[in-house]
C-alpha cells in the first residue's frame, strides 16, 4: 500500500459510520470515515499504512450487517471526460 486510505465496498445500507469505525478501530486508529447515506461503499483512513494493511487483511470478506466487506486500497479519482467542456454555441442563431 502507498497510503492509509481504504475503499470499503459491499457495505450494507444499514451499516453506520460508527459500526465501521469500531470494526476498523480494532486494528489501529481511524483518522476519518466517509460513509454516504444509502450507499454501498465507504472510505476509511487509518493513521498509518501499517495499520491500514493490517485492517485490510483482517477484515477482507468479514460479514458486517449481513454482507461480506470487499476491501481495497483507495485510489485517486479518475479525471472526468466528456460533458460540456467544449465551446458554447447558440443553436438558434446560426451565422
C-alpha atoms as a PDB file:
ATOM      1  CA  UNK A   1       0.000   0.000   0.000  1.00  0.00           C
ATOM      2  CA  UNK A   2       1.069   3.544  -0.639  1.00  0.00           C
ATOM      3  CA  UNK A   3      -1.483   5.375   1.503  1.00  0.00           C
ATOM      4  CA  UNK A   4      -3.518   4.620   4.632  1.00  0.00           C
ATOM      5  CA  UNK A   5      -6.917   5.091   2.947  1.00  0.00           C
ATOM      6  CA  UNK A   6      -9.086   2.002   2.320  1.00  0.00           C
ATOM      7  CA  UNK A   7     -12.043   1.648  -0.035  1.00  0.00           C
ATOM      8  CA  UNK A   8     -14.764  -0.460   1.582  1.00  0.00           C
ATOM      9  CA  UNK A   9     -17.218  -1.999  -0.862  1.00  0.00           C
ATOM     10  CA  UNK A  10     -20.339  -4.140  -0.499  1.00  0.00           C
ATOM     11  CA  UNK A  11     -21.391  -2.230   2.615  1.00  0.00           C
ATOM     12  CA  UNK A  12     -24.989  -2.785   3.744  1.00  0.00           C
ATOM     13  CA  UNK A  13     -27.131   0.355   3.524  1.00  0.00           C
ATOM     14  CA  UNK A  14     -27.984  -0.008   7.212  1.00  0.00           C
ATOM     15  CA  UNK A  15     -24.317  -0.056   8.278  1.00  0.00           C
ATOM     16  CA  UNK A  16     -23.404   3.115  10.137  1.00  0.00           C
ATOM     17  CA  UNK A  17     -20.212   5.109  10.260  1.00  0.00           C
ATOM     18  CA  UNK A  18     -19.882   4.157  13.934  1.00  0.00           C
ATOM     19  CA  UNK A  19     -20.077   0.437  13.121  1.00  0.00           C
ATOM     20  CA  UNK A  20     -17.295   0.744  10.537  1.00  0.00           C
ATOM     21  CA  UNK A  21     -15.139   2.815  12.867  1.00  0.00           C
ATOM     22  CA  UNK A  22     -15.494   0.139  15.565  1.00  0.00           C
ATOM     23  CA  UNK A  23     -14.573  -2.680  13.147  1.00  0.00           C
ATOM     24  CA  UNK A  24     -11.504  -0.890  11.780  1.00  0.00           C
ATOM     25  CA  UNK A  25     -10.587   0.624  15.158  1.00  0.00           C
ATOM     26  CA  UNK A  26      -9.673  -2.849  16.405  1.00  0.00           C
ATOM     27  CA  UNK A  27      -6.625  -2.687  14.082  1.00  0.00           C
ATOM     28  CA  UNK A  28      -5.428   0.856  14.750  1.00  0.00           C
ATOM     29  CA  UNK A  29      -6.536   4.459  14.916  1.00  0.00           C
ATOM     30  CA  UNK A  30      -9.265   5.522  12.485  1.00  0.00           C
ATOM     31  CA  UNK A  31      -8.476   9.075  11.394  1.00  0.00           C
ATOM     32  CA  UNK A  32     -11.507   9.525   9.120  1.00  0.00           C
ATOM     33  CA  UNK A  33     -14.569   7.592   7.981  1.00  0.00           C
ATOM     34  CA  UNK A  34     -16.698   8.652   4.997  1.00  0.00           C
ATOM     35  CA  UNK A  35     -19.929   6.663   4.558  1.00  0.00           C
ATOM     36  CA  UNK A  36     -22.622   8.318   2.439  1.00  0.00           C
ATOM     37  CA  UNK A  37     -26.238   7.649   3.435  1.00  0.00           C
ATOM     38  CA  UNK A  38     -27.939   4.892   1.424  1.00  0.00           C
ATOM     39  CA  UNK A  39     -24.760   3.968  -0.476  1.00  0.00           C
ATOM     40  CA  UNK A  40     -22.987   0.631  -0.522  1.00  0.00           C
ATOM     41  CA  UNK A  41     -19.453   1.907  -0.019  1.00  0.00           C
ATOM     42  CA  UNK A  42     -17.258   3.822   2.397  1.00  0.00           C
ATOM     43  CA  UNK A  43     -13.718   5.143   2.788  1.00  0.00           C
ATOM     44  CA  UNK A  44     -11.694   4.584   5.964  1.00  0.00           C
ATOM     45  CA  UNK A  45      -8.444   6.411   6.662  1.00  0.00           C
ATOM     46  CA  UNK A  46      -6.153   4.802   9.225  1.00  0.00           C
ATOM     47  CA  UNK A  47      -3.311   6.639  10.990  1.00  0.00           C
ATOM     48  CA  UNK A  48      -0.578   4.635   9.222  1.00  0.00           C
ATOM     49  CA  UNK A  49      -0.033   2.417   6.212  1.00  0.00           C
ATOM     50  CA  UNK A  50       0.864  -0.484   8.509  1.00  0.00           C
ATOM     51  CA  UNK A  51      -2.461  -0.212  10.350  1.00  0.00           C
ATOM     52  CA  UNK A  52      -4.325   0.027   7.044  1.00  0.00           C
ATOM     53  CA  UNK A  53      -2.612  -3.136   5.757  1.00  0.00           C
ATOM     54  CA  UNK A  54      -3.408  -4.975   8.993  1.00  0.00           C
ATOM     55  CA  UNK A  55      -7.088  -3.955   8.846  1.00  0.00           C
ATOM     56  CA  UNK A  56      -7.350  -4.802   5.140  1.00  0.00           C
ATOM     57  CA  UNK A  57      -6.004  -8.318   5.700  1.00  0.00           C
ATOM     58  CA  UNK A  58      -8.119  -8.969   8.786  1.00  0.00           C
ATOM     59  CA  UNK A  59     -11.427  -7.571   7.526  1.00  0.00           C
ATOM     60  CA  UNK A  60     -11.376  -8.702   3.880  1.00  0.00           C
ATOM     61  CA  UNK A  61     -14.595 -10.708   3.432  1.00  0.00           C
ATOM     62  CA  UNK A  62     -15.749 -10.213   7.039  1.00  0.00           C
ATOM     63  CA  UNK A  63     -19.518 -10.136   7.296  1.00  0.00           C
ATOM     64  CA  UNK A  64     -20.890  -6.887   8.706  1.00  0.00           C
ATOM     65  CA  UNK A  65     -24.665  -6.411   8.891  1.00  0.00           C
ATOM     66  CA  UNK A  66     -25.162  -9.464   6.691  1.00  0.00           C
ATOM     67  CA  UNK A  67     -22.782  -8.530   3.860  1.00  0.00           C
ATOM     68  CA  UNK A  68     -19.132  -9.527   3.306  1.00  0.00           C
ATOM     69  CA  UNK A  69     -16.859  -6.491   3.036  1.00  0.00           C
ATOM     70  CA  UNK A  70     -14.738  -6.073  -0.088  1.00  0.00           C
ATOM     71  CA  UNK A  71     -11.665  -4.014   0.695  1.00  0.00           C
ATOM     72  CA  UNK A  72      -9.022  -2.410  -1.483  1.00  0.00           C
ATOM     73  CA  UNK A  73      -6.514   0.399  -1.283  1.00  0.00           C
ATOM     74  CA  UNK A  74      -8.262   3.659  -2.169  1.00  0.00           C
ATOM     75  CA  UNK A  75      -7.086   5.194  -5.428  1.00  0.00           C
ATOM     76  CA  UNK A  76      -7.384   8.818  -6.541  1.00  0.00           C
ATOM     77  CA  UNK A  77     -10.456   9.518  -8.686  1.00  0.00           C
ATOM     78  CA  UNK A  78     -10.031   9.279 -12.446  1.00  0.00           C
ATOM     79  CA  UNK A  79     -10.245  12.582 -14.327  1.00  0.00           C
ATOM     80  CA  UNK A  80     -13.680  13.137 -15.793  1.00  0.00           C
ATOM     81  CA  UNK A  81     -14.016  13.322 -19.542  1.00  0.00           C
ATOM     82  CA  UNK A  82     -16.801  14.362 -21.851  1.00  0.00           C
ATOM     83  CA  UNK A  83     -19.628  16.596 -20.806  1.00  0.00           C
ATOM     84  CA  UNK A  84     -19.978  20.206 -21.822  1.00  0.00           C
ATOM     85  CA  UNK A  85     -16.378  21.347 -21.687  1.00  0.00           C
ATOM     86  CA  UNK A  86     -16.274  22.419 -25.346  1.00  0.00           C
ATOM     87  CA  UNK A  87     -17.141  25.772 -26.861  1.00  0.00           C
ATOM     88  CA  UNK A  88     -20.536  27.326 -26.311  1.00  0.00           C
ATOM     89  CA  UNK A  89     -22.702  27.600 -29.344  1.00  0.00           C
ATOM     90  CA  UNK A  90     -26.145  29.015 -29.759  1.00  0.00           C
ATOM     91  CA  UNK A  91     -28.375  26.672 -31.710  1.00  0.00           C
ATOM     92  CA  UNK A  92     -30.998  29.319 -32.576  1.00  0.00           C
ATOM     93  CA  UNK A  93     -28.750  31.890 -34.198  1.00  0.00           C
ATOM     94  CA  UNK A  94     -26.615  30.166 -36.802  1.00  0.00           C
ATOM     95  CA  UNK A  95     -24.456  32.640 -38.706  1.00  0.00           C
END
